[in-house]
Every structure is written in C-alpha cells, then in structure tokens.
Amino acid sequence: MELKSNDDDVKFCGIKPHPKYLAKLSSVGSISDEETCEKLRGLIQRQVQICKRNVEVMDAVRRGAQLAIDECQYQFRNRRWNCSTLDSMPVFGKVVTQGTREAAFVYALSAASVAYAVTRACSSGELEKCGCDRNVHGVSPQGFQWSGCSDNIAYGVAFSQSFVDARERGKGQSSSRALMNLHNNEAGRKAILNHMRVDCKCHGVSGSCEVKTCWKAMPPFRKVGNVIKEKFDGATEVEQRKVGTTRALVPRNSQFKPHTDEDLVYLDPSPDFCEHDPRTPGMLGTVGRFCNKTSKAIDGCELMCCGRGFHTQEVEVVDRCSCKFHWCCYVKCKQCRKMVEMHTCR
C-alpha cells in the first residue's frame, strides 16, 4: 500500500503542513495560483517550488489542516489542554515544540489528516494526477466482485510520507525528537491503513443480491481520531539508544514491552496545564473552563480545576421537546425552558 519515491523525484503536489502551521494554512482561502505559494509562511524553498508546480493539491492539504485542528479540539474537549489555537506561531503554542504525549498526538493526527484529505480528493476526481485505486479489481475470495471507486489510500499515504515527514528527514533525523516525530507520523497513517473498510452494493431483481460489487473505503475521520486518541492514552515514554549499528527509540522503562508501529511514543513528561503561563504560549490554564461536578474523570471539577474549586451558577437552557411526527412528513417540536447548574473553574 505504499508508493515508493525518493525525495528528489517526488511527483506529488503540495507542502508539508507541519503542526505549527496548521491553523495558518487552514485559514488560507482557495489556493489557486503560484503567488499564493510564496505567501504561505513556514515553507522551505523546495516546498514553495513544489507548491508552484502542483497547485491543484493545495486545497486538499488546506482542508486536511483544518480537519486536524477540528478533530484535535473534539478529542481533547474535556481535557485540561483542549487544543486551543493561537493567532501566533506555533499555532498550538509550545505544546508541540516539546516532546510530550500531546505533541505525539498532534503529529500523528496531522499526518493522518493530510493523507485522508488527499485520498478523498483523489476519489472525488478533484486531482488530475490520481483517481480511484484501480489495482483493486477481480473477484474476492468471498465471492464478490471488486468494483466501484476504491479510495486511493496508497497515494494519500505516499503524499503524507513525502511532505509531512520532510522536515524531520531534511535535517537532524537522527535526533531523538526527529525519530519521535517520524514514528508518530507513521502511526497516524496506520490509523487509516489498518481500519480501511469494505463497502458493498447489491444488484439484482427487486433488490436481490444476485451480484454484489464492493470497494475499499476509508473509515470516517472521527474513527481515525478515536484510534489515535486511544494510542495517546496508552503512549509509551521512550529514549534514544544505540541498537546494533543504528539509533532507535526504546521504552525508557525496560519492563515495558516494545511499542509497535501503531503506538504513539513521547520523550518528555507533560506539564499539568493547570495555570496560565504568559511566558509559554499555549499554556492557557483551566480558569473559566466548564467542568462536570459529578464526574471523577479528567472532565470533573476536582481534576479540571486542579483543586482550586469552582463557581456554580444557574442558567436557562432552551431545548426542543415533545417532538411529534406528522404524516407526511415532518417533525414538530415544542421549545422547553429549564434552569440548569453550570460549573466553571476558579
């Protein structure tokens, strides 16, 4: 499932959306000319030139950047660090410049989102250089016919490998942080590759399934985000050691089993994210954050508020209620108002 190509002859189009540039790239409007490439901050010159030669893919990369930000904020919505973005660079603050579990998650999600968005652009016919995966054909061992438009995940993954990994491959790739980033980038792509699904359609008289045609499709990106979030929860703390003639990341605790290609790894412990630190962009603290008074998990007021306590106030909430289905065909609801308690961290 991999298109092989060395860096010097990469034929894919686009740029490397390094996590610190995600919000900047995602906020750019339609990228339709070479001049836009010059205006994109954070690109090395080679990336600018590739962008100019391959403008058509840039909108897919932009959508991938926004996809990563949105999914990060969904997955971390109930945690002390909730993927808040800044107007300055790096967009997530210094969280992604340190070798923490949070940085591991951002890198994995970024690599996955670019692969996902480019693959989707291929399948939709948006890009001239790729389309559906025509290598999936014939009759399967299960007896159905491979047909339809299979997602060209091989192209999307190869694109992500070429550009998302470019900064780490370009310089200092033997450093611990570069090895960490490269590993997590690949783990993010594995979250798509290992969860490809088979979609099918039946053909026959009156809906019978005399003939069934199937194709390979990517999972919903929410599924990809869920998988990477699970890997974040079980991430392995590692350090660089010499293994034979090469340098590799191994578990810092020798009692832990080695991580796989699908697992996330990190080098440094995470801060507690409790207090706002003006000297550390992105360290916003949890003052004013909503919390769940009855929860014992990280979204509970005790943990979210770091023991500082919380404010409680009653607010009026308007919900749809008493909904009834009317033939044919609409649903009519009433508006119900109720007072609920809201809790925010001191």
Protein backbone atom coordinates (compact mmCIF):
# COMPACT_ATOMS: atom_id res chain seq x y z
CA MET A 1 0.00 0.00 0.00
CA GLU A 2 2.94 2.35 -0.47
CA LEU A 3 4.07 4.39 -3.47
CA LYS A 4 7.84 4.46 -3.34
CA SER A 5 9.69 7.56 -4.35
CA ASN A 6 12.80 9.30 -3.16
CA ASP A 7 12.76 12.90 -2.05
CA ASP A 8 14.41 14.26 -5.15
CA ASP A 9 11.87 12.83 -7.57
CA VAL A 10 8.68 13.24 -5.62
CA LYS A 11 5.89 13.84 -8.11
CA PHE A 12 3.19 14.56 -5.58
CA CYS A 13 1.88 18.04 -5.17
CA GLY A 14 1.64 20.13 -2.04
CA ILE A 15 3.55 21.18 1.03
CA LYS A 16 4.45 19.88 4.42
CA PRO A 17 1.75 21.07 6.84
CA HIS A 18 3.95 21.00 9.95
CA PRO A 19 1.65 21.12 13.02
CA LYS A 20 2.77 24.61 13.95
CA TYR A 21 1.49 25.90 10.59
CA LEU A 22 -1.82 24.07 10.55
CA ALA A 23 -4.06 26.97 11.53
CA LYS A 24 -2.24 29.38 9.22
CA LEU A 25 -2.68 27.02 6.28
CA SER A 26 -6.26 26.14 7.14
CA SER A 27 -7.23 29.82 7.26
CA VAL A 28 -5.96 30.49 3.72
CA GLY A 29 -8.67 30.82 1.10
CA SER A 30 -8.71 28.80 -2.10
CA ILE A 31 -5.15 28.20 -3.25
CA SER A 32 -5.32 28.62 -6.98
CA ASP A 33 -2.14 30.27 -8.21
CA GLU A 34 1.62 30.17 -7.78
CA GLU A 35 1.74 33.52 -6.00
CA THR A 36 -0.16 32.04 -3.06
CA CYS A 37 2.69 29.58 -2.51
CA GLU A 38 5.09 32.45 -1.83
CA LYS A 39 2.74 33.83 0.84
CA LEU A 40 2.41 30.60 2.83
CA ARG A 41 4.53 31.02 5.94
CA GLY A 42 6.75 28.27 7.25
CA LEU A 43 7.73 26.63 3.96
CA ILE A 44 11.29 25.86 2.97
CA GLN A 45 12.20 26.97 -0.54
CA ARG A 46 11.93 23.49 -2.02
CA GLN A 47 8.38 23.22 -0.73
CA VAL A 48 7.48 26.56 -2.28
CA GLN A 49 8.75 25.39 -5.66
CA ILE A 50 6.84 22.11 -5.43
CA CYS A 51 3.75 24.05 -4.46
CA LYS A 52 4.12 26.24 -7.55
CA ARG A 53 4.40 23.22 -9.82
CA ASN A 54 1.47 21.40 -8.21
CA VAL A 55 -1.06 23.99 -7.12
CA GLU A 56 -4.06 21.70 -7.61
CA VAL A 57 -3.49 19.67 -4.46
CA MET A 58 -3.11 22.63 -2.14
CA ASP A 59 -6.80 22.96 -1.37
CA ALA A 60 -6.83 19.33 -0.22
CA VAL A 61 -3.85 20.00 2.05
CA ARG A 62 -5.62 23.08 3.43
CA ARG A 63 -8.72 21.03 4.19
CA GLY A 64 -6.55 18.41 5.85
CA ALA A 65 -5.03 21.07 8.10
CA GLN A 66 -8.47 22.24 9.23
CA LEU A 67 -9.59 18.64 9.68
CA ALA A 68 -6.71 18.04 12.09
CA ILE A 69 -7.49 21.13 14.16
CA ASP A 70 -11.20 20.31 14.38
CA GLU A 71 -10.59 16.69 15.35
CA CYS A 72 -7.94 17.62 17.92
CA GLN A 73 -10.35 20.03 19.59
CA TYR A 74 -13.09 17.39 19.61
CA GLN A 75 -10.91 14.66 21.09
CA PHE A 76 -9.48 16.94 23.79
CA ARG A 77 -12.62 18.94 24.52
CA ASN A 78 -12.84 17.58 28.07
CA ARG A 79 -9.14 17.73 28.96
CA ARG A 80 -7.09 20.47 30.60
CA TRP A 81 -5.28 21.06 27.34
CA ASN A 82 -8.03 21.29 24.73
CA CYS A 83 -6.11 22.07 21.52
CA SER A 84 -6.81 25.79 21.74
CA THR A 85 -5.16 27.61 18.86
CA LEU A 86 -3.25 30.87 18.92
CA ASP A 87 -3.03 33.63 16.34
CA SER A 88 0.76 33.47 16.61
CA MET A 89 3.16 30.70 15.66
CA PRO A 90 3.27 27.87 16.59
CA VAL A 91 -0.49 27.58 16.47
CA PHE A 92 -0.79 25.20 19.43
CA GLY A 93 1.87 27.06 21.35
CA LYS A 94 4.91 25.39 22.85
CA VAL A 95 2.93 22.23 23.50
CA VAL A 96 4.02 20.87 20.10
CA THR A 97 7.62 22.08 20.40
CA GLN A 98 8.22 19.78 23.39
CA GLY A 99 8.42 16.01 23.15
CA THR A 100 5.21 15.39 25.08
CA ARG A 101 2.30 13.00 24.55
CA GLU A 102 0.26 15.96 23.32
CA ALA A 103 2.85 16.69 20.64
CA ALA A 104 2.83 13.00 19.68
CA PHE A 105 -0.94 13.17 19.19
CA VAL A 106 -0.78 16.36 17.10
CA TYR A 107 1.89 14.96 14.80
CA ALA A 108 0.06 11.66 14.30
CA LEU A 109 -3.24 13.42 13.64
CA SER A 110 -1.62 15.88 11.23
CA ALA A 111 -0.02 13.12 9.16
CA ALA A 112 -3.30 11.22 9.09
CA SER A 113 -5.39 14.25 8.13
CA VAL A 114 -3.21 15.10 5.13
CA ALA A 115 -3.26 11.50 3.89
CA TYR A 116 -7.03 11.44 4.40
CA ALA A 117 -7.78 14.72 2.63
CA VAL A 118 -5.54 13.97 -0.36
CA THR A 119 -7.03 10.49 -0.72
CA ARG A 120 -10.52 11.98 -0.61
CA ALA A 121 -9.54 14.50 -3.30
CA CYS A 122 -8.27 11.64 -5.49
CA SER A 123 -11.50 9.68 -5.20
CA SER A 124 -13.69 12.71 -5.89
CA GLY A 125 -11.88 13.42 -9.17
CA GLU A 126 -10.51 16.71 -7.91
CA LEU A 127 -6.89 15.91 -8.81
CA GLU A 128 -5.61 15.11 -12.29
CA LYS A 129 -2.62 13.10 -11.02
CA CYS A 130 -4.62 10.49 -9.15
CA GLY A 131 -8.04 8.94 -9.06
CA CYS A 132 -9.67 5.80 -7.71
CA ASP A 133 -7.49 2.83 -6.83
CA ARG A 134 -7.77 0.68 -9.97
CA ASN A 135 -5.50 -2.01 -8.51
CA VAL A 136 -8.48 -3.34 -6.57
CA HIS A 137 -10.31 -5.49 -9.13
CA GLY A 138 -11.37 -9.04 -9.92
CA VAL A 139 -13.28 -11.45 -7.70
CA SER A 140 -12.53 -11.67 -3.97
CA PRO A 141 -12.10 -14.96 -2.07
CA GLN A 142 -15.52 -14.23 -0.54
CA GLY A 143 -17.08 -14.32 -4.00
CA PHE A 144 -17.97 -10.66 -4.53
CA GLN A 145 -16.78 -8.52 -7.42
CA TRP A 146 -14.34 -5.72 -6.71
CA SER A 147 -15.73 -2.69 -8.49
CA GLY A 148 -16.66 0.92 -7.88
CA CYS A 149 -14.23 3.61 -6.77
CA SER A 150 -11.86 2.29 -4.11
CA ASP A 151 -10.14 5.03 -2.13
CA ASN A 152 -6.58 5.52 -3.35
CA ILE A 153 -5.08 5.43 0.14
CA ALA A 154 -1.69 4.41 -1.27
CA TYR A 155 -1.39 7.78 -2.99
CA GLY A 156 -2.57 9.73 0.05
CA VAL A 157 -0.18 7.90 2.38
CA ALA A 158 2.76 8.34 0.00
CA PHE A 159 1.98 12.05 -0.26
CA SER A 160 1.88 12.38 3.51
CA GLN A 161 5.16 10.49 3.87
CA SER A 162 6.85 12.73 1.33
CA PHE A 163 5.75 16.07 2.74
CA VAL A 164 4.67 15.72 6.34
CA ASP A 165 7.93 13.91 7.10
CA ALA A 166 10.08 16.31 5.08
CA ARG A 167 11.30 18.48 7.94
CA GLU A 168 12.46 15.52 10.01
CA ARG A 169 14.15 13.84 7.04
CA GLY A 170 15.76 17.04 5.89
CA LYS A 171 17.92 17.72 8.91
CA GLY A 172 18.84 16.10 12.17
CA GLN A 173 16.75 13.00 11.58
CA SER A 174 18.98 11.06 13.97
CA SER A 175 17.92 13.29 16.86
CA SER A 176 15.51 11.86 19.42
CA ARG A 177 12.81 14.39 18.56
CA ALA A 178 13.07 13.72 14.83
CA LEU A 179 12.79 9.98 15.44
CA MET A 180 9.79 10.61 17.68
CA ASN A 181 8.05 12.77 15.08
CA LEU A 182 8.68 10.32 12.24
CA HIS A 183 7.39 7.41 14.31
CA ASN A 184 4.20 9.24 15.33
CA ASN A 185 3.58 10.48 11.79
CA GLU A 186 3.62 6.88 10.60
CA ALA A 187 1.40 5.77 13.48
CA GLY A 188 -1.16 8.35 12.38
CA ARG A 189 -1.20 6.99 8.85
CA LYS A 190 -1.50 3.44 10.19
CA ALA A 191 -4.71 4.53 11.92
CA ILE A 192 -6.22 4.88 8.45
CA LEU A 193 -4.50 1.97 6.71
CA ASN A 194 -5.39 -0.55 9.41
CA HIS A 195 -9.04 0.47 9.51
CA MET A 196 -9.95 0.53 5.83
CA ARG A 197 -13.41 -0.92 5.34
CA VAL A 198 -15.22 -2.75 2.56
CA ASP A 199 -18.39 -1.08 1.24
CA CYS A 200 -20.72 -3.08 -0.99
CA LYS A 201 -23.77 -2.68 -3.19
CA CYS A 202 -26.21 -5.41 -4.20
CA HIS A 203 -27.52 -5.79 -7.76
CA GLY A 204 -30.46 -7.90 -8.86
CA VAL A 205 -34.21 -8.05 -9.38
CA SER A 206 -36.27 -6.40 -6.63
CA GLY A 207 -33.25 -5.68 -4.50
CA SER A 208 -31.93 -9.24 -4.50
CA CYS A 209 -28.20 -9.71 -4.15
CA GLU A 210 -27.51 -11.89 -7.17
CA VAL A 211 -24.40 -9.85 -7.81
CA LYS A 212 -22.52 -7.88 -5.15
CA THR A 213 -19.89 -5.33 -6.01
CA CYS A 214 -17.57 -3.94 -3.35
CA TRP A 215 -14.83 -1.37 -2.99
CA LYS A 216 -12.36 -0.29 -0.31
CA ALA A 217 -13.15 2.90 1.58
CA MET A 218 -11.51 4.90 4.33
CA PRO A 219 -13.20 4.95 7.73
CA PRO A 220 -14.86 8.20 8.87
CA PHE A 221 -12.18 10.58 10.15
CA ARG A 222 -13.85 10.54 13.57
CA LYS A 223 -12.92 6.84 13.73
CA VAL A 224 -9.33 7.75 12.86
CA GLY A 225 -9.32 10.38 15.61
CA ASN A 226 -10.71 7.88 18.11
CA VAL A 227 -7.98 5.39 17.28
CA ILE A 228 -5.19 7.96 17.65
CA LYS A 229 -6.72 9.20 20.91
CA GLU A 230 -6.65 5.62 22.26
CA LYS A 231 -2.98 5.45 21.29
CA PHE A 232 -2.41 8.75 23.11
CA ASP A 233 -3.91 7.27 26.29
CA GLY A 234 -1.52 4.32 26.07
CA ALA A 235 1.53 6.15 24.68
CA THR A 236 5.00 4.84 25.59
CA GLU A 237 7.72 7.02 27.11
CA VAL A 238 10.93 6.36 25.18
CA GLU A 239 14.57 7.35 24.92
CA GLN A 240 17.14 7.02 22.17
CA ARG A 241 19.65 4.21 22.41
CA LYS A 242 22.09 2.55 20.07
CA VAL A 243 20.64 -0.73 18.80
CA GLY A 244 23.26 -2.54 16.76
CA THR A 245 24.61 -0.01 14.29
CA THR A 246 21.58 2.31 14.37
CA ARG A 247 19.93 4.68 16.81
CA ALA A 248 16.41 3.80 17.86
CA LEU A 249 13.74 4.76 20.37
CA VAL A 250 13.18 2.17 23.09
CA PRO A 251 10.95 2.24 26.20
CA ARG A 252 12.54 4.24 28.99
CA ASN A 253 11.29 1.61 31.42
CA SER A 254 12.87 -1.70 30.42
CA GLN A 255 9.94 -3.58 31.97
CA PHE A 256 7.57 -2.21 29.32
CA LYS A 257 7.17 -4.19 26.12
CA PRO A 258 8.47 -2.53 22.93
CA HIS A 259 6.00 -0.29 21.15
CA THR A 260 4.61 -1.19 17.73
CA ASP A 261 4.41 0.93 14.57
CA GLU A 262 0.82 1.79 15.53
CA ASP A 263 1.62 3.13 19.01
CA LEU A 264 2.45 6.71 19.94
CA VAL A 265 5.73 7.49 21.68
CA TYR A 266 6.93 10.52 23.62
CA LEU A 267 10.17 11.77 25.21
CA ASP A 268 9.15 14.28 27.88
CA PRO A 269 6.52 14.31 30.62
CA SER A 270 3.61 16.66 30.04
CA PRO A 271 3.03 19.77 32.16
CA ASP A 272 -0.14 19.76 34.26
CA PHE A 273 -1.72 22.54 32.15
CA CYS A 274 -3.34 23.95 35.30
CA GLU A 275 -2.12 27.55 35.32
CA HIS A 276 -1.85 30.20 32.65
CA ASP A 277 1.79 30.95 31.87
CA PRO A 278 2.23 34.12 29.76
CA ARG A 279 5.84 33.12 29.09
CA THR A 280 4.70 29.87 27.48
CA PRO A 281 2.32 30.46 24.55
CA GLY A 282 -0.46 27.91 24.53
CA MET A 283 -0.33 27.31 28.27
CA LEU A 284 -3.75 28.85 28.92
CA GLY A 285 -4.63 27.14 32.18
CA THR A 286 -8.11 26.00 33.17
CA VAL A 287 -9.57 29.11 34.84
CA GLY A 288 -13.07 29.65 33.46
CA ARG A 289 -13.31 26.18 31.90
CA PHE A 290 -16.57 24.26 32.27
CA CYS A 291 -16.38 21.13 34.42
CA ASN A 292 -18.62 18.24 35.43
CA LYS A 293 -19.39 18.34 39.15
CA THR A 294 -20.34 14.66 39.38
CA SER A 295 -17.53 13.20 37.26
CA LYS A 296 -14.43 11.60 38.76
CA ALA A 297 -12.65 11.67 35.40
CA ILE A 298 -10.43 14.40 33.94
CA ASP A 299 -13.51 16.47 33.00
CA GLY A 300 -14.64 16.50 36.65
CA CYS A 301 -14.35 19.74 38.60
CA GLU A 302 -11.76 18.36 41.01
CA LEU A 303 -9.27 17.40 38.30
CA MET A 304 -10.14 20.03 35.69
CA CYS A 305 -9.85 22.84 38.23
CA CYS A 306 -6.65 21.42 39.75
CA GLY A 307 -8.08 21.62 43.27
CA ARG A 308 -8.79 25.38 43.08
CA GLY A 309 -12.54 24.92 43.38
CA PHE A 310 -15.25 26.09 41.00
CA HIS A 311 -18.08 28.59 40.58
CA THR A 312 -21.69 27.45 40.17
CA GLN A 313 -24.45 29.44 38.53
CA GLU A 314 -27.91 28.70 37.23
CA VAL A 315 -28.55 29.40 33.57
CA GLU A 316 -31.62 28.97 31.42
CA VAL A 317 -31.35 26.39 28.65
CA VAL A 318 -33.79 26.12 25.73
CA ASP A 319 -34.25 22.62 24.27
CA ARG A 320 -36.55 21.00 21.74
CA CYS A 321 -39.06 18.75 23.46
CA SER A 322 -42.38 16.92 22.99
CA CYS A 323 -41.47 16.17 19.38
CA LYS A 324 -44.18 14.50 17.27
CA PHE A 325 -44.01 13.01 13.80
CA HIS A 326 -46.77 14.25 11.45
CA TRP A 327 -47.87 12.38 8.35
CA CYS A 328 -46.38 13.14 5.93
CA CYS A 329 -43.57 14.03 6.57
CA TYR A 330 -42.24 16.36 9.22
CA VAL A 331 -41.47 16.53 12.92
CA LYS A 332 -42.91 19.28 15.07
CA CYS A 333 -41.41 20.11 18.47
CA LYS A 334 -42.08 22.48 21.30
CA GLN A 335 -39.46 24.65 22.97
CA CYS A 336 -38.88 23.82 26.61
CA ARG A 337 -37.01 26.07 29.01
CA LYS A 338 -35.31 24.80 32.09
CA MET A 339 -32.78 26.03 34.62
CA VAL A 340 -29.55 24.05 34.93
CA GLU A 341 -26.42 24.43 37.02
CA MET A 342 -23.21 25.28 35.20
CA HIS A 343 -19.82 24.91 36.84
CA THR A 344 -16.65 26.79 35.90
CA CYS A 345 -13.15 26.52 37.35
CA ARG A 346 -11.91 29.24 39.70
